[in-house]
Amino acid sequence: MTITIASQSLSQLPETVEEIYQQFPSLETEALKFVQTPLRIIDKPEGVLYVTQKEYAVLKNDDENLSVIGTDDATTCHMVVLVNRKEFSVCVAHIDSTDDLDEELTRMVLDIMGQQHTESDFHLELSIMGGYRDEMHKSEMLTLDLLQFYNDLPVNFQLKSLCVNSINTRTSNGINWPIIYGVAVDLQSDFIISPAKFNLNVRGPCLSLRSSRFLSSQCSLHRVYHTGEGIFRINPFSYQYHSQMVDWIHKSDDFILSNFSTSPAVEPEHFPQEMKQVFQFVVHNPFPLASVFKFNKSVKYVPSPQGQWLKL
């Protein structure tokens, strides 16, 4: 089975993103429309599910407490949206690499497929957004790796949107910048995907804990929520604690950017402060399996209609 684009099979994956756009002009046309779509500002937590880097979640359109799902702050990372029209469900993922993640990426596809995995005519809608023309070509490599992964799975995918690389790049003062950093999917409007910005107050729960996964040596992609369960679950993990973190909290923004970002010139302005909050969290919890995930138990929350996450 292969990815199809406008009823054509992607039988052989081109070597560059530009070749894909040349082979399928409709993808380029749709991507150009997408980057010109007005940015949606998500500033109220009611009904919002935010996934951060190394996370994904699955929502059905009948979820009682959630109506919007999305992610933000993607520079070289990619945002993947999978839609299952038969079960009226959507999956959003924030992916920074495909290295050693075949099992996790496959599990994500199975999570969104639900009961349709045995139907030969079933397909998932696939959209890939984010990444830009960065100097190290990390974005393009990730785009091609993701497309290769999905093309090799025994599942039918319809590639609805590919907004990456040159289409998602603007140049200012000689520096390439992403145009779109985030996306939101509205469950009540036929799973329409919009460029989006999520304010920091809508990104809970436990963002510093979740963001600390980048300090883990283990490659990972975690499912944090599924409508069928109704619980926001942070599964146990550990990370590498460094005594220098106490000093990092007080370092300049430039130091944080140059040492902890794959794209320091184009990070959102809140990136340094957010990283310092992560370091502060880790300093207070150097051994998370003892202080956070006691008895190796997950940290769990449930959403409320008011947009709060209530700890179980």
Protein backbone atom coordinates (compact mmCIF):
# COMPACT_ATOMS: atom_id res chain seq x y z
CA MET A 1 0.00 0.00 0.00
CA THR A 2 1.20 3.50 -0.73
CA ILE A 3 0.48 7.15 -0.15
CA THR A 4 -1.88 8.62 -2.71
CA ILE A 5 -1.93 12.27 -3.75
CA ALA A 6 -4.89 13.51 -5.80
CA SER A 7 -5.68 9.87 -6.74
CA GLN A 8 -2.08 9.24 -7.86
CA SER A 9 0.12 6.77 -6.00
CA LEU A 10 3.43 7.88 -4.61
CA SER A 11 5.01 4.67 -5.83
CA GLN A 12 8.57 5.95 -5.58
CA LEU A 13 9.54 8.67 -3.17
CA PRO A 14 11.42 11.56 -4.81
CA GLU A 15 14.82 12.49 -3.39
CA THR A 16 13.87 16.08 -2.49
CA VAL A 17 10.78 17.95 -1.34
CA GLU A 18 10.99 20.21 -4.39
CA GLU A 19 10.66 17.14 -6.64
CA ILE A 20 7.49 16.18 -4.78
CA TYR A 21 6.01 19.62 -5.38
CA GLN A 22 7.00 19.44 -9.06
CA GLN A 23 5.45 16.00 -9.43
CA PHE A 24 2.27 17.00 -7.56
CA PRO A 25 1.54 20.71 -8.17
CA SER A 26 -1.72 20.51 -6.22
CA LEU A 27 0.27 19.94 -3.03
CA GLU A 28 2.25 23.11 -3.62
CA THR A 29 -0.93 25.07 -4.40
CA GLU A 30 -2.61 23.92 -1.18
CA ALA A 31 0.52 24.61 0.87
CA LEU A 32 0.74 28.17 -0.49
CA LYS A 33 -2.89 28.73 0.49
CA PHE A 34 -2.22 27.36 3.96
CA VAL A 35 0.69 29.68 4.78
CA GLN A 36 -1.47 32.62 3.70
CA THR A 37 -4.35 31.62 5.97
CA PRO A 38 -4.83 33.99 8.93
CA LEU A 39 -3.17 32.81 12.13
CA ARG A 40 -5.55 31.50 14.77
CA ILE A 41 -4.67 32.66 18.29
CA ILE A 42 -5.60 30.12 20.98
CA ASP A 43 -5.65 32.13 24.21
CA LYS A 44 -8.42 30.50 26.26
CA PRO A 45 -7.93 27.01 27.75
CA GLU A 46 -11.56 25.90 27.49
CA GLY A 47 -11.80 22.85 25.22
CA VAL A 48 -8.11 22.91 24.25
CA LEU A 49 -5.73 19.95 24.13
CA TYR A 50 -2.12 20.93 23.48
CA VAL A 51 0.57 18.43 22.54
CA THR A 52 4.21 19.38 22.82
CA GLN A 53 7.38 17.95 21.28
CA LYS A 54 7.59 14.12 21.42
CA GLU A 55 3.84 13.79 22.06
CA TYR A 56 0.67 12.82 20.22
CA ALA A 57 -3.00 12.59 21.12
CA VAL A 58 -6.17 11.18 19.59
CA LEU A 59 -9.53 12.94 19.85
CA LYS A 60 -12.98 12.00 18.63
CA ASN A 61 -15.41 14.73 17.69
CA ASP A 62 -17.80 13.68 20.44
CA ASP A 63 -15.31 14.31 23.25
CA GLU A 64 -17.31 16.05 25.95
CA ASN A 65 -14.61 18.39 27.21
CA LEU A 66 -12.31 19.02 24.25
CA SER A 67 -12.97 20.65 20.90
CA VAL A 68 -9.55 21.87 19.69
CA ILE A 69 -6.28 19.99 19.45
CA GLY A 70 -2.96 21.33 18.25
CA THR A 71 0.69 22.05 18.78
CA ASP A 72 3.14 24.92 18.39
CA ASP A 73 6.81 26.00 18.46
CA ALA A 74 7.85 23.72 15.59
CA THR A 75 10.96 24.95 13.79
CA THR A 76 12.78 21.93 12.36
CA CYS A 77 10.16 19.66 13.97
CA HIS A 78 7.11 18.52 12.02
CA MET A 79 3.43 18.50 12.92
CA VAL A 80 1.54 15.45 11.69
CA VAL A 81 -2.25 15.30 11.49
CA LEU A 82 -4.08 12.03 10.78
CA VAL A 83 -7.85 12.01 10.25
CA ASN A 84 -10.09 8.94 10.39
CA ARG A 85 -13.35 9.91 8.69
CA LYS A 86 -15.13 6.66 9.57
CA GLU A 87 -14.62 7.04 13.31
CA PHE A 88 -14.69 10.87 13.29
CA SER A 89 -11.34 11.07 15.01
CA VAL A 90 -8.11 13.00 14.60
CA CYS A 91 -4.54 12.53 15.77
CA VAL A 92 -2.00 15.34 16.14
CA ALA A 93 1.70 14.68 16.73
CA HIS A 94 4.77 16.87 17.24
CA ILE A 95 7.72 14.91 15.86
CA ASP A 96 11.39 15.85 16.05
CA SER A 97 12.91 12.68 14.57
CA THR A 98 12.07 9.25 13.19
CA ASP A 99 15.22 7.60 14.55
CA ASP A 100 14.37 4.34 16.33
CA LEU A 101 10.70 5.33 16.42
CA ASP A 102 9.14 2.81 14.03
CA GLU A 103 7.26 1.10 16.85
CA GLU A 104 5.92 4.34 18.32
CA LEU A 105 4.95 5.77 14.93
CA THR A 106 3.18 2.54 14.04
CA ARG A 107 1.34 2.53 17.35
CA MET A 108 0.17 6.08 16.63
CA VAL A 109 -1.32 4.93 13.31
CA LEU A 110 -3.04 1.98 14.97
CA ASP A 111 -4.47 4.30 17.64
CA ILE A 112 -6.17 6.48 15.05
CA MET A 113 -7.28 3.56 12.85
CA GLY A 114 -9.45 2.09 15.58
CA GLN A 115 -11.65 -0.73 14.24
CA GLN A 116 -10.94 -0.06 10.57
CA HIS A 117 -7.61 -1.85 10.33
CA THR A 118 -9.19 -4.90 8.65
CA GLU A 119 -11.04 -3.00 5.89
CA SER A 120 -9.19 -3.02 2.58
CA ASP A 121 -10.79 0.18 1.27
CA PHE A 122 -10.09 2.17 4.41
CA HIS A 123 -7.69 5.13 4.29
CA LEU A 124 -6.38 7.78 6.63
CA GLU A 125 -5.97 11.42 5.66
CA LEU A 126 -2.40 12.57 6.25
CA SER A 127 -1.14 16.14 6.60
CA ILE A 128 2.46 17.08 7.33
CA MET A 129 3.35 20.65 8.24
CA GLY A 130 6.27 22.50 9.74
CA GLY A 131 9.97 22.57 9.13
CA TYR A 132 11.61 25.14 6.88
CA ARG A 133 14.69 25.55 4.72
CA ASP A 134 17.22 25.42 7.53
CA GLU A 135 20.97 25.54 7.03
CA MET A 136 21.57 21.95 8.10
CA HIS A 137 18.68 20.56 5.99
CA LYS A 138 17.29 18.82 9.09
CA SER A 139 13.74 19.74 8.15
CA GLU A 140 13.90 18.23 4.68
CA MET A 141 15.46 15.02 5.97
CA LEU A 142 12.65 14.68 8.50
CA THR A 143 10.01 15.30 5.81
CA LEU A 144 11.44 12.59 3.57
CA ASP A 145 11.86 10.17 6.48
CA LEU A 146 8.23 10.59 7.50
CA LEU A 147 6.96 10.15 3.96
CA GLN A 148 9.09 7.03 3.55
CA PHE A 149 7.77 5.60 6.80
CA TYR A 150 4.12 6.13 5.91
CA ASN A 151 4.67 4.92 2.35
CA ASP A 152 6.11 1.64 3.65
CA LEU A 153 3.27 0.89 6.09
CA PRO A 154 0.54 -1.54 4.96
CA VAL A 155 -2.04 1.23 5.32
CA ASN A 156 -3.68 3.50 2.76
CA PHE A 157 -2.87 7.18 3.28
CA GLN A 158 -4.21 10.16 1.35
CA LEU A 159 -1.69 12.98 1.58
CA LYS A 160 -3.96 16.00 1.88
CA SER A 161 -1.37 18.63 2.81
CA LEU A 162 2.40 18.98 2.71
CA CYS A 163 3.36 22.43 3.98
CA VAL A 164 7.10 22.15 4.53
CA ASN A 165 10.53 23.30 3.38
CA SER A 166 10.56 26.20 0.88
CA ILE A 167 6.79 26.79 1.08
CA ASN A 168 7.05 27.27 4.84
CA THR A 169 10.07 29.59 4.64
CA ARG A 170 10.40 33.35 4.68
CA THR A 171 13.66 35.30 4.61
CA SER A 172 14.42 38.28 6.83
CA ASN A 173 17.82 39.96 7.18
CA GLY A 174 19.43 37.08 5.36
CA ILE A 175 18.00 34.46 7.72
CA ASN A 176 15.43 31.82 6.78
CA TRP A 177 12.47 31.61 9.17
CA PRO A 178 9.48 29.25 9.39
CA ILE A 179 6.18 30.86 8.44
CA ILE A 180 3.99 28.41 10.32
CA TYR A 181 5.09 27.33 13.81
CA GLY A 182 1.85 25.73 14.99
CA VAL A 183 -1.44 24.22 13.87
CA ALA A 184 -4.87 23.70 15.41
CA VAL A 185 -7.58 21.24 14.40
CA ASP A 186 -11.20 22.08 15.16
CA LEU A 187 -13.27 19.00 15.95
CA GLN A 188 -16.56 20.78 15.34
CA SER A 189 -15.77 22.04 11.83
CA ASP A 190 -14.99 18.91 9.83
CA PHE A 191 -11.43 18.71 11.18
CA ILE A 192 -10.31 21.92 9.52
CA ILE A 193 -6.59 22.56 10.10
CA SER A 194 -5.51 26.16 10.72
CA PRO A 195 -2.16 27.85 11.31
CA ALA A 196 -2.20 28.58 15.02
CA LYS A 197 -0.41 30.09 17.96
CA PHE A 198 -1.06 28.65 21.42
CA ASN A 199 -0.49 31.05 24.29
CA LEU A 200 1.45 29.63 27.23
CA ASN A 201 -1.64 29.58 29.47
CA VAL A 202 -3.35 26.90 27.32
CA ARG A 203 -0.51 24.37 27.20
CA GLY A 204 -1.11 22.45 30.42
CA PRO A 205 -0.86 20.29 32.28
CA CYS A 206 2.71 19.94 33.65
CA LEU A 207 4.41 21.50 30.65
CA SER A 208 7.85 21.67 32.31
CA LEU A 209 7.72 17.97 33.13
CA ARG A 210 6.63 17.05 29.62
CA SER A 211 9.23 19.31 28.02
CA SER A 212 11.99 17.74 30.09
CA ARG A 213 11.80 14.64 27.88
CA PHE A 214 14.42 16.25 25.64
CA LEU A 215 16.91 15.49 28.43
CA SER A 216 16.17 11.78 28.16
CA SER A 217 18.61 9.66 26.19
CA GLN A 218 15.72 7.52 24.96
CA CYS A 219 14.07 8.38 21.63
CA SER A 220 10.36 8.58 22.23
CA LEU A 221 6.92 9.55 21.03
CA HIS A 222 4.30 9.44 23.79
CA ARG A 223 0.54 9.21 23.52
CA VAL A 224 -0.75 11.60 26.17
CA TYR A 225 -4.49 11.45 25.52
CA HIS A 226 -7.14 9.34 23.81
CA THR A 227 -10.84 10.18 23.91
CA GLY A 228 -11.64 6.51 24.59
CA GLU A 229 -9.77 6.76 27.90
CA GLY A 230 -10.46 10.42 28.71
CA ILE A 231 -7.27 10.77 30.73
CA PHE A 232 -4.20 12.90 30.07
CA ARG A 233 -1.43 10.48 30.96
CA ILE A 234 2.26 11.24 31.45
CA ASN A 235 4.00 7.88 31.60
CA PRO A 236 7.14 7.40 33.70
CA PHE A 237 10.46 8.39 32.19
CA SER A 238 13.83 9.47 33.42
CA TYR A 239 16.30 12.08 32.22
CA GLN A 240 19.90 13.09 32.60
CA TYR A 241 20.46 15.51 35.45
CA HIS A 242 23.46 17.83 35.21
CA SER A 243 24.76 19.82 38.14
CA GLN A 244 25.36 22.74 35.73
CA MET A 245 21.60 23.21 35.42
CA VAL A 246 21.64 25.41 38.49
CA ASP A 247 23.89 27.77 36.54
CA TRP A 248 21.94 27.40 33.29
CA ILE A 249 18.88 28.90 34.96
CA HIS A 250 20.78 32.18 35.29
CA LYS A 251 22.49 32.18 31.91
CA SER A 252 21.67 34.65 29.13
CA ASP A 253 19.03 33.96 26.52
CA ASP A 254 21.76 33.73 23.89
CA PHE A 255 23.46 30.97 25.86
CA ILE A 256 20.21 29.00 26.07
CA LEU A 257 19.49 29.42 22.37
CA SER A 258 22.97 28.49 21.18
CA ASN A 259 23.22 25.40 23.39
CA PHE A 260 19.72 23.94 23.45
CA SER A 261 18.10 24.68 20.11
CA THR A 262 18.46 23.11 16.67
CA SER A 263 17.52 26.48 15.17
CA PRO A 264 18.62 29.22 17.61
CA ALA A 265 18.08 32.14 15.23
CA VAL A 266 14.38 31.46 14.70
CA GLU A 267 13.02 30.15 17.98
CA PRO A 268 9.90 31.81 19.47
CA GLU A 269 10.76 34.59 21.89
CA HIS A 270 9.58 32.59 24.92
CA PHE A 271 11.95 29.67 24.21
CA PRO A 272 14.78 30.70 26.61
CA GLN A 273 12.40 31.34 29.50
CA GLU A 274 10.58 28.07 28.89
CA MET A 275 13.87 26.17 28.88
CA LYS A 276 14.91 27.80 32.15
CA GLN A 277 11.63 26.65 33.68
CA VAL A 278 12.45 23.12 32.55
CA PHE A 279 15.90 23.33 34.15
CA GLN A 280 14.35 24.66 37.34
CA PHE A 281 11.92 21.76 37.39
CA VAL A 282 14.72 19.25 36.89
CA VAL A 283 16.87 20.83 39.61
CA HIS A 284 13.97 20.31 42.02
CA ASN A 285 13.33 16.80 40.66
CA PRO A 286 16.71 15.32 39.72
CA PHE A 287 15.33 11.77 40.03
CA PRO A 288 11.81 11.86 38.56
CA LEU A 289 11.18 8.14 39.05
CA ALA A 290 11.41 8.80 42.78
CA SER A 291 9.80 12.23 43.15
CA VAL A 292 7.31 12.48 40.26
CA PHE A 293 6.47 8.94 39.14
CA LYS A 294 6.31 7.35 42.56
CA PHE A 295 5.96 3.56 42.50
CA ASN A 296 6.47 3.82 38.72
CA LYS A 297 2.96 5.21 38.27
CA SER A 298 1.87 7.61 35.55
CA VAL A 299 0.82 11.16 36.36
CA LYS A 300 -2.82 11.51 35.31
CA TYR A 301 -5.21 14.40 34.69
CA VAL A 302 -8.75 14.74 33.42
CA PRO A 303 -10.10 17.76 31.53
CA SER A 304 -12.86 19.91 32.94
CA PRO A 305 -15.42 21.95 30.97
CA GLN A 306 -13.74 25.12 32.30
CA GLY A 307 -10.44 24.23 30.64
CA GLN A 308 -8.69 23.10 33.80
CA TRP A 309 -6.79 19.83 34.13
CA LEU A 310 -7.68 18.06 37.35
CA LYS A 311 -5.11 15.71 38.82
CA LEU A 312 -6.28 12.20 39.63
